[in-house]
PDB file of all heavy atoms in Angstrom:
ATOM      1  N   GLY A   1      12.199  30.012  -0.217  1.00  0.00           N
ATOM      2  CA  GLY A   1      11.193  29.809   0.792  1.00  0.00           C
ATOM      3  C   GLY A   1      11.376  28.553   1.602  1.00  0.00           C
ATOM      4  O   GLY A   1      12.446  28.233   2.118  1.00  0.00           O
ATOM      5  N   LEU A   2      10.261  27.827   1.729  1.00  0.00           N
ATOM      6  CA  LEU A   2      10.242  26.636   2.601  1.00  0.00           C
ATOM      7  C   LEU A   2      11.191  25.568   2.113  1.00  0.00           C
ATOM      8  O   LEU A   2      11.794  24.830   2.916  1.00  0.00           O
ATOM      9  CB  LEU A   2       8.794  26.069   2.653  1.00  0.00           C
ATOM     10  CG  LEU A   2       8.589  24.845   3.547  1.00  0.00           C
ATOM     11  CD1 LEU A   2       8.950  25.147   5.050  1.00  0.00           C
ATOM     12  CD2 LEU A   2       7.148  24.287   3.454  1.00  0.00           C
ATOM     13  N   TYR A   3      11.363  25.476   0.781  1.00  0.00           N
ATOM     14  CA  TYR A   3      12.282  24.430   0.224  1.00  0.00           C
ATOM     15  C   TYR A   3      13.743  24.598   0.769  1.00  0.00           C
ATOM     16  O   TYR A   3      14.396  23.614   1.064  1.00  0.00           O
ATOM     17  CB  TYR A   3      12.270  24.509  -1.287  1.00  0.00           C
ATOM     18  CG  TYR A   3      10.959  24.132  -1.909  1.00  0.00           C
ATOM     19  CD1 TYR A   3      10.338  25.040  -2.818  1.00  0.00           C
ATOM     20  CD2 TYR A   3      10.269  22.971  -1.598  1.00  0.00           C
ATOM     21  CE1 TYR A   3       9.121  24.724  -3.395  1.00  0.00           C
ATOM     22  CE2 TYR A   3       9.081  22.640  -2.225  1.00  0.00           C
ATOM     23  CZ  TYR A   3       8.476  23.510  -3.096  1.00  0.00           C
ATOM     24  OH  TYR A   3       7.290  23.219  -3.664  1.00  0.00           O
ATOM     25  N   THR A   4      14.167  25.838   0.845  1.00  0.00           N
ATOM     26  CA  THR A   4      15.514  26.092   1.380  1.00  0.00           C
ATOM     27  C   THR A   4      15.595  25.689   2.827  1.00  0.00           C
ATOM     28  O   THR A   4      16.616  25.059   3.269  1.00  0.00           O
ATOM     29  CB  THR A   4      15.847  27.586   1.210  1.00  0.00           C
ATOM     30  OG1 THR A   4      15.811  27.926  -0.199  1.00  0.00           O
ATOM     31  CG2 THR A   4      17.264  27.847   1.680  1.00  0.00           C
ATOM     32  N   SER A   5      14.606  26.012   3.603  1.00  0.00           N
ATOM     33  CA  SER A   5      14.648  25.719   5.038  1.00  0.00           C
ATOM     34  C   SER A   5      14.669  24.173   5.291  1.00  0.00           C
ATOM     35  O   SER A   5      15.409  23.624   6.101  1.00  0.00           O
ATOM     36  CB  SER A   5      13.446  26.322   5.753  1.00  0.00           C
ATOM     37  OG  SER A   5      13.434  27.696   5.630  1.00  0.00           O
ATOM     38  N   LEU A   6      13.828  23.478   4.495  1.00  0.00           N
ATOM     39  CA  LEU A   6      13.791  22.019   4.564  1.00  0.00           C
ATOM     40  C   LEU A   6      15.093  21.407   4.149  1.00  0.00           C
ATOM     41  O   LEU A   6      15.567  20.426   4.685  1.00  0.00           O
ATOM     42  CB  LEU A   6      12.647  21.497   3.765  1.00  0.00           C
ATOM     43  CG  LEU A   6      11.225  21.805   4.220  1.00  0.00           C
ATOM     44  CD1 LEU A   6      10.181  21.301   3.233  1.00  0.00           C
ATOM     45  CD2 LEU A   6      10.964  21.125   5.576  1.00  0.00           C
ATOM     46  N   ALA A   7      15.707  21.960   3.088  1.00  0.00           N
ATOM     47  CA  ALA A   7      16.981  21.488   2.616  1.00  0.00           C
ATOM     48  C   ALA A   7      18.080  21.638   3.682  1.00  0.00           C
ATOM     49  O   ALA A   7      18.929  20.770   3.823  1.00  0.00           O
ATOM     50  CB  ALA A   7      17.374  22.177   1.322  1.00  0.00           C
ATOM     51  N   GLN A   8      18.014  22.767   4.412  1.00  0.00           N
ATOM     52  CA  GLN A   8      18.991  22.964   5.498  1.00  0.00           C
ATOM     53  C   GLN A   8      18.839  21.954   6.608  1.00  0.00           C
ATOM     54  O   GLN A   8      19.803  21.407   7.120  1.00  0.00           O
ATOM     55  CB  GLN A   8      18.837  24.374   6.041  1.00  0.00           C
ATOM     56  CG  GLN A   8      19.282  25.473   5.048  1.00  0.00           C
ATOM     57  CD  GLN A   8      18.919  26.878   5.441  1.00  0.00           C
ATOM     58  OE1 GLN A   8      18.117  27.061   6.361  1.00  0.00           O
ATOM     59  NE2 GLN A   8      19.496  27.870   4.777  1.00  0.00           N
ATOM     60  N   ILE A   9      17.555  21.631   6.984  1.00  0.00           N
ATOM     61  CA  ILE A   9      17.335  20.600   8.002  1.00  0.00           C
ATOM     62  C   ILE A   9      17.806  19.280   7.523  1.00  0.00           C
ATOM     63  O   ILE A   9      18.489  18.515   8.276  1.00  0.00           O
ATOM     64  CB  ILE A   9      15.846  20.581   8.386  1.00  0.00           C
ATOM     65  CG1 ILE A   9      15.426  21.942   9.005  1.00  0.00           C
ATOM     66  CG2 ILE A   9      15.532  19.433   9.368  1.00  0.00           C
ATOM     67  CD1 ILE A   9      13.901  22.101   9.148  1.00  0.00           C
ATOM     68  N   ALA A  10      17.449  18.882   6.315  1.00  0.00           N
ATOM     69  CA  ALA A  10      17.869  17.571   5.750  1.00  0.00           C
ATOM     70  C   ALA A  10      19.373  17.486   5.636  1.00  0.00           C
ATOM     71  O   ALA A  10      19.947  16.389   5.879  1.00  0.00           O
ATOM     72  CB  ALA A  10      17.186  17.358   4.353  1.00  0.00           C
ATOM     73  N   THR A  11      20.058  18.559   5.243  1.00  0.00           N
ATOM     74  CA  THR A  11      21.508  18.587   5.191  1.00  0.00           C
ATOM     75  C   THR A  11      22.111  18.387   6.569  1.00  0.00           C
ATOM     76  O   THR A  11      23.118  17.639   6.710  1.00  0.00           O
ATOM     77  CB  THR A  11      21.997  19.855   4.526  1.00  0.00           C
ATOM     78  OG1 THR A  11      21.437  20.029   3.218  1.00  0.00           O
ATOM     79  CG2 THR A  11      23.504  19.895   4.421  1.00  0.00           C
ATOM     80  N   LEU A  12      21.547  19.032   7.508  1.00  0.00           N
ATOM     81  CA  LEU A  12      22.018  18.878   8.928  1.00  0.00           C
ATOM     82  C   LEU A  12      21.968  17.422   9.373  1.00  0.00           C
ATOM     83  O   LEU A  12      22.925  16.937   9.968  1.00  0.00           O
ATOM     84  CB  LEU A  12      21.197  19.793   9.831  1.00  0.00           C
ATOM     85  CG  LEU A  12      21.628  19.863  11.311  1.00  0.00           C
ATOM     86  CD1 LEU A  12      23.057  20.417  11.403  1.00  0.00           C
ATOM     87  CD2 LEU A  12      20.633  20.656  12.142  1.00  0.00           C
ATOM     88  N   TYR A  13      20.854  16.739   9.061  1.00  0.00           N
ATOM     89  CA  TYR A  13      20.764  15.360   9.480  1.00  0.00           C
ATOM     90  C   TYR A  13      21.766  14.476   8.733  1.00  0.00           C
ATOM     91  O   TYR A  13      22.342  13.573   9.281  1.00  0.00           O
ATOM     92  CB  TYR A  13      19.322  14.771   9.271  1.00  0.00           C
ATOM     93  CG  TYR A  13      19.235  13.349   9.698  1.00  0.00           C
ATOM     94  CD1 TYR A  13      19.028  13.052  11.041  1.00  0.00           C
ATOM     95  CD2 TYR A  13      19.385  12.310   8.828  1.00  0.00           C
ATOM     96  CE1 TYR A  13      18.968  11.745  11.510  1.00  0.00           C
ATOM     97  CE2 TYR A  13      19.368  10.975   9.243  1.00  0.00           C
ATOM     98  CZ  TYR A  13      19.121  10.692  10.561  1.00  0.00           C
ATOM     99  OH  TYR A  13      19.098   9.387  10.988  1.00  0.00           O
ATOM    100  N   TYR A  14      21.960  14.802   7.430  1.00  0.00           N
ATOM    101  CA  TYR A  14      22.955  14.011   6.593  1.00  0.00           C
ATOM    102  C   TYR A  14      24.309  14.036   7.281  1.00  0.00           C
ATOM    103  O   TYR A  14      24.950  13.032   7.507  1.00  0.00           O
ATOM    104  CB  TYR A  14      23.028  14.561   5.197  1.00  0.00           C
ATOM    105  CG  TYR A  14      23.964  13.858   4.300  1.00  0.00           C
ATOM    106  CD1 TYR A  14      23.483  12.883   3.414  1.00  0.00           C
ATOM    107  CD2 TYR A  14      25.348  14.104   4.311  1.00  0.00           C
ATOM    108  CE1 TYR A  14      24.349  12.211   2.563  1.00  0.00           C
ATOM    109  CE2 TYR A  14      26.195  13.445   3.471  1.00  0.00           C
ATOM    110  CZ  TYR A  14      25.700  12.465   2.588  1.00  0.00           C
ATOM    111  OH  TYR A  14      26.564  11.789   1.733  1.00  0.00           O
ATOM    112  N   PHE A  15      24.810  15.209   7.647  1.00  0.00           N
ATOM    113  CA  PHE A  15      26.064  15.328   8.289  1.00  0.00           C
ATOM    114  C   PHE A  15      26.073  14.783   9.731  1.00  0.00           C
ATOM    115  O   PHE A  15      27.080  14.204  10.163  1.00  0.00           O
ATOM    116  CB  PHE A  15      26.563  16.776   8.281  1.00  0.00           C
ATOM    117  CG  PHE A  15      27.125  17.187   6.939  1.00  0.00           C
ATOM    118  CD1 PHE A  15      26.322  17.583   5.910  1.00  0.00           C
ATOM    119  CD2 PHE A  15      28.504  17.129   6.755  1.00  0.00           C
ATOM    120  CE1 PHE A  15      26.874  17.958   4.672  1.00  0.00           C
ATOM    121  CE2 PHE A  15      29.054  17.519   5.501  1.00  0.00           C
ATOM    122  CZ  PHE A  15      28.238  17.903   4.452  1.00  0.00           C
ATOM    123  N   ALA A  16      24.966  14.972  10.461  1.00  0.00           N
ATOM    124  CA  ALA A  16      24.896  14.452  11.833  1.00  0.00           C
ATOM    125  C   ALA A  16      24.915  12.941  11.846  1.00  0.00           C
ATOM    126  O   ALA A  16      25.483  12.352  12.762  1.00  0.00           O
ATOM    127  CB  ALA A  16      23.551  14.950  12.474  1.00  0.00           C
ATOM    128  N   PHE A  17      24.409  12.316  10.809  1.00  0.00           N
ATOM    129  CA  PHE A  17      24.412  10.835  10.777  1.00  0.00           C
ATOM    130  C   PHE A  17      25.856  10.327  10.745  1.00  0.00           C
ATOM    131  O   PHE A  17      26.171   9.403  11.474  1.00  0.00           O
ATOM    132  CB  PHE A  17      23.681  10.352   9.501  1.00  0.00           C
ATOM    133  CG  PHE A  17      23.751   8.871   9.289  1.00  0.00           C
ATOM    134  CD1 PHE A  17      22.858   8.027  10.042  1.00  0.00           C
ATOM    135  CD2 PHE A  17      24.628   8.261   8.404  1.00  0.00           C
ATOM    136  CE1 PHE A  17      22.928   6.653   9.879  1.00  0.00           C
ATOM    137  CE2 PHE A  17      24.690   6.874   8.284  1.00  0.00           C
ATOM    138  CZ  PHE A  17      23.823   6.084   8.969  1.00  0.00           C
ATOM    139  N   PHE A  18      26.713  10.934   9.991  1.00  0.00           N
ATOM    140  CA  PHE A  18      28.092  10.515   9.912  1.00  0.00           C
ATOM    141  C   PHE A  18      28.945  10.988  11.080  1.00  0.00           C
ATOM    142  O   PHE A  18      29.747  10.215  11.606  1.00  0.00           O
ATOM    143  CB  PHE A  18      28.746  10.972   8.592  1.00  0.00           C
ATOM    144  CG  PHE A  18      28.207  10.263   7.362  1.00  0.00           C
ATOM    145  CD1 PHE A  18      27.239  10.848   6.566  1.00  0.00           C
ATOM    146  CD2 PHE A  18      28.684   9.044   7.025  1.00  0.00           C
ATOM    147  CE1 PHE A  18      26.779  10.246   5.436  1.00  0.00           C
ATOM    148  CE2 PHE A  18      28.206   8.413   5.857  1.00  0.00           C
ATOM    149  CZ  PHE A  18      27.223   9.018   5.093  1.00  0.00           C
ATOM    150  N   LEU A  19      28.782  12.242  11.469  1.00  0.00           N
ATOM    151  CA  LEU A  19      29.699  12.885  12.422  1.00  0.00           C
ATOM    152  C   LEU A  19      29.270  12.721  13.861  1.00  0.00           C
ATOM    153  O   LEU A  19      30.113  12.814  14.771  1.00  0.00           O
ATOM    154  CB  LEU A  19      29.875  14.351  12.089  1.00  0.00           C
ATOM    155  CG  LEU A  19      30.444  14.684  10.680  1.00  0.00           C
ATOM    156  CD1 LEU A  19      30.437  16.214  10.452  1.00  0.00           C
ATOM    157  CD2 LEU A  19      31.843  14.112  10.537  1.00  0.00           C
ATOM    158  N   ILE A  20      27.995  12.455  14.154  1.00  0.00           N
ATOM    159  CA  ILE A  20      27.524  12.349  15.497  1.00  0.00           C
ATOM    160  C   ILE A  20      26.920  10.949  15.765  1.00  0.00           C
ATOM    161  O   ILE A  20      27.365  10.242  16.696  1.00  0.00           O
ATOM    162  CB  ILE A  20      26.479  13.453  15.798  1.00  0.00           C
ATOM    163  CG1 ILE A  20      27.112  14.812  15.678  1.00  0.00           C
ATOM    164  CG2 ILE A  20      25.953  13.239  17.239  1.00  0.00           C
ATOM    165  CD1 ILE A  20      26.118  15.961  15.819  1.00  0.00           C
ATOM    166  N   ILE A  21      25.951  10.579  14.978  1.00  0.00           N
ATOM    167  CA  ILE A  21      25.229   9.332  15.242  1.00  0.00           C
ATOM    168  C   ILE A  21      26.148   8.087  15.144  1.00  0.00           C
ATOM    169  O   ILE A  21      26.105   7.258  16.089  1.00  0.00           O
ATOM    170  CB  ILE A  21      24.028   9.160  14.281  1.00  0.00           C
ATOM    171  CG1 ILE A  21      23.013  10.294  14.582  1.00  0.00           C
ATOM    172  CG2 ILE A  21      23.352   7.826  14.426  1.00  0.00           C
ATOM    173  CD1 ILE A  21      21.845  10.369  13.584  1.00  0.00           C
ATOM    174  N   LEU A  22      26.891   7.989  14.087  1.00  0.00           N
ATOM    175  CA  LEU A  22      27.750   6.797  13.916  1.00  0.00           C
ATOM    176  C   LEU A  22      28.751   6.663  15.024  1.00  0.00           C
ATOM    177  O   LEU A  22      28.876   5.589  15.666  1.00  0.00           O
ATOM    178  CB  LEU A  22      28.507   6.817  12.548  1.00  0.00           C
ATOM    179  CG  LEU A  22      27.669   6.365  11.305  1.00  0.00           C
ATOM    180  CD1 LEU A  22      28.534   6.478  10.105  1.00  0.00           C
ATOM    181  CD2 LEU A  22      27.160   4.981  11.498  1.00  0.00           C
ATOM    182  N   PRO A  23      29.511   7.735  15.379  1.00  0.00           N
ATOM    183  CA  PRO A  23      30.516   7.536  16.476  1.00  0.00           C
ATOM    184  C   PRO A  23      29.850   7.288  17.862  1.00  0.00           C
ATOM    185  O   PRO A  23      30.351   6.501  18.620  1.00  0.00           O
ATOM    186  CB  PRO A  23      31.286   8.849  16.465  1.00  0.00           C
ATOM    187  CG  PRO A  23      31.014   9.482  15.168  1.00  0.00           C
ATOM    188  CD  PRO A  23      29.644   9.066  14.769  1.00  0.00           C
ATOM    189  N   VAL A  24      28.758   7.990  18.185  1.00  0.00           N
ATOM    190  CA  VAL A  24      28.120   7.913  19.476  1.00  0.00           C
ATOM    191  C   VAL A  24      27.384   6.553  19.664  1.00  0.00           C
ATOM    192  O   VAL A  24      27.493   5.915  20.668  1.00  0.00           O
ATOM    193  CB  VAL A  24      27.180   9.085  19.706  1.00  0.00           C
ATOM    194  CG1 VAL A  24      26.386   8.933  21.017  1.00  0.00           C
ATOM    195  CG2 VAL A  24      27.980  10.381  19.760  1.00  0.00           C
ATOM    196  N   LEU A  25      26.689   6.148  18.625  1.00  0.00           N
ATOM    197  CA  LEU A  25      25.896   4.886  18.715  1.00  0.00           C
ATOM    198  C   LEU A  25      26.832   3.695  19.030  1.00  0.00           C
ATOM    199  O   LEU A  25      26.461   2.814  19.749  1.00  0.00           O
ATOM    200  CB  LEU A  25      25.159   4.635  17.410  1.00  0.00           C
ATOM    201  CG  LEU A  25      23.717   5.159  17.318  1.00  0.00           C
ATOM    202  CD1 LEU A  25      23.081   4.651  16.051  1.00  0.00           C
ATOM    203  CD2 LEU A  25      22.861   4.726  18.533  1.00  0.00           C
ATOM    204  N   GLY A  26      28.001   3.708  18.397  1.00  0.00           N
ATOM    205  CA  GLY A  26      28.889   2.587  18.602  1.00  0.00           C
ATOM    206  C   GLY A  26      29.340   2.471  20.073  1.00  0.00           C
ATOM    207  O   GLY A  26      29.745   1.372  20.514  1.00  0.00           O
ATOM    208  N   LEU A  27      29.254   3.536  20.799  1.00  0.00           N
ATOM    209  CA  LEU A  27      29.691   3.578  22.209  1.00  0.00           C
ATOM    210  C   LEU A  27      28.548   3.264  23.205  1.00  0.00           C
ATOM    211  O   LEU A  27      28.799   2.649  24.235  1.00  0.00           O
ATOM    212  CB  LEU A  27      30.306   4.935  22.576  1.00  0.00           C
ATOM    213  CG  LEU A  27      31.522   5.353  21.725  1.00  0.00           C
ATOM    214  CD1 LEU A  27      31.941   6.752  22.097  1.00  0.00           C
ATOM    215  CD2 LEU A  27      32.692   4.367  21.890  1.00  0.00           C
ATOM    216  N   ILE A  28      27.318   3.646  22.809  1.00  0.00           N
ATOM    217  CA  ILE A  28      26.221   3.481  23.769  1.00  0.00           C
ATOM    218  C   ILE A  28      25.215   2.447  23.442  1.00  0.00           C
ATOM    219  O   ILE A  28      24.400   2.043  24.297  1.00  0.00           O
ATOM    220  CB  ILE A  28      25.486   4.879  23.960  1.00  0.00           C
ATOM    221  CG1 ILE A  28      24.812   5.287  22.672  1.00  0.00           C
ATOM    222  CG2 ILE A  28      26.485   5.951  24.402  1.00  0.00           C
ATOM    223  CD1 ILE A  28      23.960   6.521  22.822  1.00  0.00           C
ATOM    224  N   GLU A  29      25.159   1.972  22.195  1.00  0.00           N
ATOM    225  CA  GLU A  29      24.203   1.017  21.734  1.00  0.00           C
ATOM    226  C   GLU A  29      24.402  -0.382  22.278  1.00  0.00           C
ATOM    227  O   GLU A  29      25.596  -0.831  22.270  1.00  0.00           O
ATOM    228  CB  GLU A  29      24.094   0.994  20.220  1.00  0.00           C
ATOM    229  CG  GLU A  29      22.955   0.104  19.677  1.00  0.00           C
ATOM    230  CD  GLU A  29      22.943   0.120  18.142  1.00  0.00           C
ATOM    231  OE1 GLU A  29      24.031   0.226  17.535  1.00  0.00           O
ATOM    232  OE2 GLU A  29      21.843   0.010  17.563  1.00  0.00           O
ATOM    233  N   THR A  30      23.387  -1.022  22.719  1.00  0.00           N
ATOM    234  CA  THR A  30      23.428  -2.418  23.108  1.00  0.00           C
ATOM    235  C   THR A  30      22.944  -3.295  22.033  1.00  0.00           C
ATOM    236  O   THR A  30      21.710  -3.361  21.789  1.00  0.00           O
ATOM    237  CB  THR A  30      22.652  -2.676  24.443  1.00  0.00           C
ATOM    238  OG1 THR A  30      23.121  -1.817  25.453  1.00  0.00           O
ATOM    239  CG2 THR A  30      22.794  -4.121  24.848  1.00  0.00           C
ATOM    240  N   PRO A  31      23.809  -4.060  21.337  1.00  0.00           N
ATOM    241  CA  PRO A  31      23.342  -4.893  20.225  1.00  0.00           C
ATOM    242  C   PRO A  31      22.580  -6.100  20.707  1.00  0.00           C
ATOM    243  O   PRO A  31      22.721  -6.535  21.843  1.00  0.00           O
ATOM    244  CB  PRO A  31      24.657  -5.241  19.515  1.00  0.00           C
ATOM    245  CG  PRO A  31      25.717  -5.213  20.559  1.00  0.00           C
ATOM    246  CD  PRO A  31      25.264  -4.106  21.529  1.00  0.00           C
ATOM    247  N   ARG A  32      21.825  -6.707  19.771  1.00  0.00           N
ATOM    248  CA  ARG A  32      21.151  -7.937  20.034  1.00  0.00           C
ATOM    249  C   ARG A  32      22.154  -9.091  20.103  1.00  0.00           C
ATOM    250  O   ARG A  32      23.280  -8.978  19.556  1.00  0.00           O
ATOM    251  CB  ARG A  32      20.087  -8.231  19.002  1.00  0.00           C
ATOM    252  CG  ARG A  32      18.894  -7.263  19.040  1.00  0.00           C
ATOM    253  CD  ARG A  32      18.027  -7.436  17.754  1.00  0.00           C
ATOM    254  NE  ARG A  32      17.700  -8.830  17.524  1.00  0.00           N
ATOM    255  CZ  ARG A  32      17.357  -9.344  16.393  1.00  0.00           C
ATOM    256  NH1 ARG A  32      17.272  -8.556  15.335  1.00  0.00           N
ATOM    257  NH2 ARG A  32      17.065 -10.634  16.214  1.00  0.00           N
ATOM    258  N   ARG A  33      21.747 -10.237  20.708  1.00  0.00           N
ATOM    259  CA  ARG A  33      22.644 -11.396  20.732  1.00  0.00           C
ATOM    260  C   ARG A  33      22.882 -11.903  19.350  1.00  0.00           C
ATOM    261  O   ARG A  33      21.939 -12.083  18.591  1.00  0.00           O
ATOM    262  CB  ARG A  33      22.028 -12.515  21.583  1.00  0.00           C
ATOM    263  CG  ARG A  33      23.006 -13.622  21.908  1.00  0.00           C
ATOM    264  CD  ARG A  33      22.324 -14.813  22.521  1.00  0.00           C
ATOM    265  NE  ARG A  33      21.654 -15.602  21.526  1.00  0.00           N
ATOM    266  CZ  ARG A  33      22.236 -16.516  20.743  1.00  0.00           C
ATOM    267  NH1 ARG A  33      23.467 -16.746  20.746  1.00  0.00           N
ATOM    268  NH2 ARG A  33      21.524 -17.171  19.835  1.00  0.00           N
ATOM    269  N   MET A  34      24.139 -12.159  19.012  1.00  0.00           N
ATOM    270  CA  MET A  34      24.526 -12.626  17.694  1.00  0.00           C
ATOM    271  C   MET A  34      24.771 -14.106  17.708  1.00  0.00           C
ATOM    272  O   MET A  34      25.229 -14.638  18.739  1.00  0.00           O
ATOM    273  CB  MET A  34      25.777 -11.851  17.200  1.00  0.00           C
ATOM    274  CG  MET A  34      25.601 -10.392  17.083  1.00  0.00           C
ATOM    275  SD  MET A  34      27.197  -9.595  16.576  1.00  0.00           S
ATOM    276  CE  MET A  34      27.490 -10.329  14.973  1.00  0.00           C
ATOM    277  N   PRO A  35      24.498 -14.822  16.614  1.00  0.00           N
ATOM    278  CA  PRO A  35      24.801 -16.233  16.570  1.00  0.00           C
ATOM    279  C   PRO A  35      26.288 -16.467  16.543  1.00  0.00           C
ATOM    280  O   PRO A  35      27.092 -15.578  16.230  1.00  0.00           O
ATOM    281  CB  PRO A  35      24.110 -16.668  15.256  1.00  0.00           C
ATOM    282  CG  PRO A  35      24.031 -15.439  14.429  1.00  0.00           C
ATOM    283  CD  PRO A  35      23.822 -14.308  15.422  1.00  0.00           C
ATOM    284  N   ASN A  36      26.725 -17.673  16.865  1.00  0.00           N
ATOM    285  CA  ASN A  36      28.130 -17.956  16.879  1.00  0.00           C
ATOM    286  C   ASN A  36      28.707 -18.171  15.505  1.00  0.00           C
ATOM    287  O   ASN A  36      29.936 -18.026  15.327  1.00  0.00           O
ATOM    288  CB  ASN A  36      28.406 -19.216  17.714  1.00  0.00           C
ATOM    289  CG  ASN A  36      28.001 -19.035  19.173  1.00  0.00           C
ATOM    290  OD1 ASN A  36      28.362 -17.982  19.780  1.00  0.00           O
ATOM    291  ND2 ASN A  36      27.291 -20.016  19.754  1.00  0.00           N
ATOM    292  N   SER A  37      27.917 -18.484  14.520  1.00  0.00           N
ATOM    293  CA  SER A  37      28.414 -18.667  13.142  1.00  0.00           C
ATOM    294  C   SER A  37      27.323 -18.446  12.162  1.00  0.00           C
ATOM    295  O   SER A  37      26.110 -18.332  12.488  1.00  0.00           O
ATOM    296  CB  SER A  37      28.936 -20.111  13.014  1.00  0.00           C
ATOM    297  OG  SER A  37      27.892 -21.056  13.138  1.00  0.00           O
TER     298      SER A  37
END
């Protein structure tokens, strides 16, 4: 039932985090100013 559907959505986000979010964020994200040391 619903548990399977929710598991599919959660699994999709798990893989999307590694395969989509990590590569894309590194290209488009503007980081905050970092200290020199």
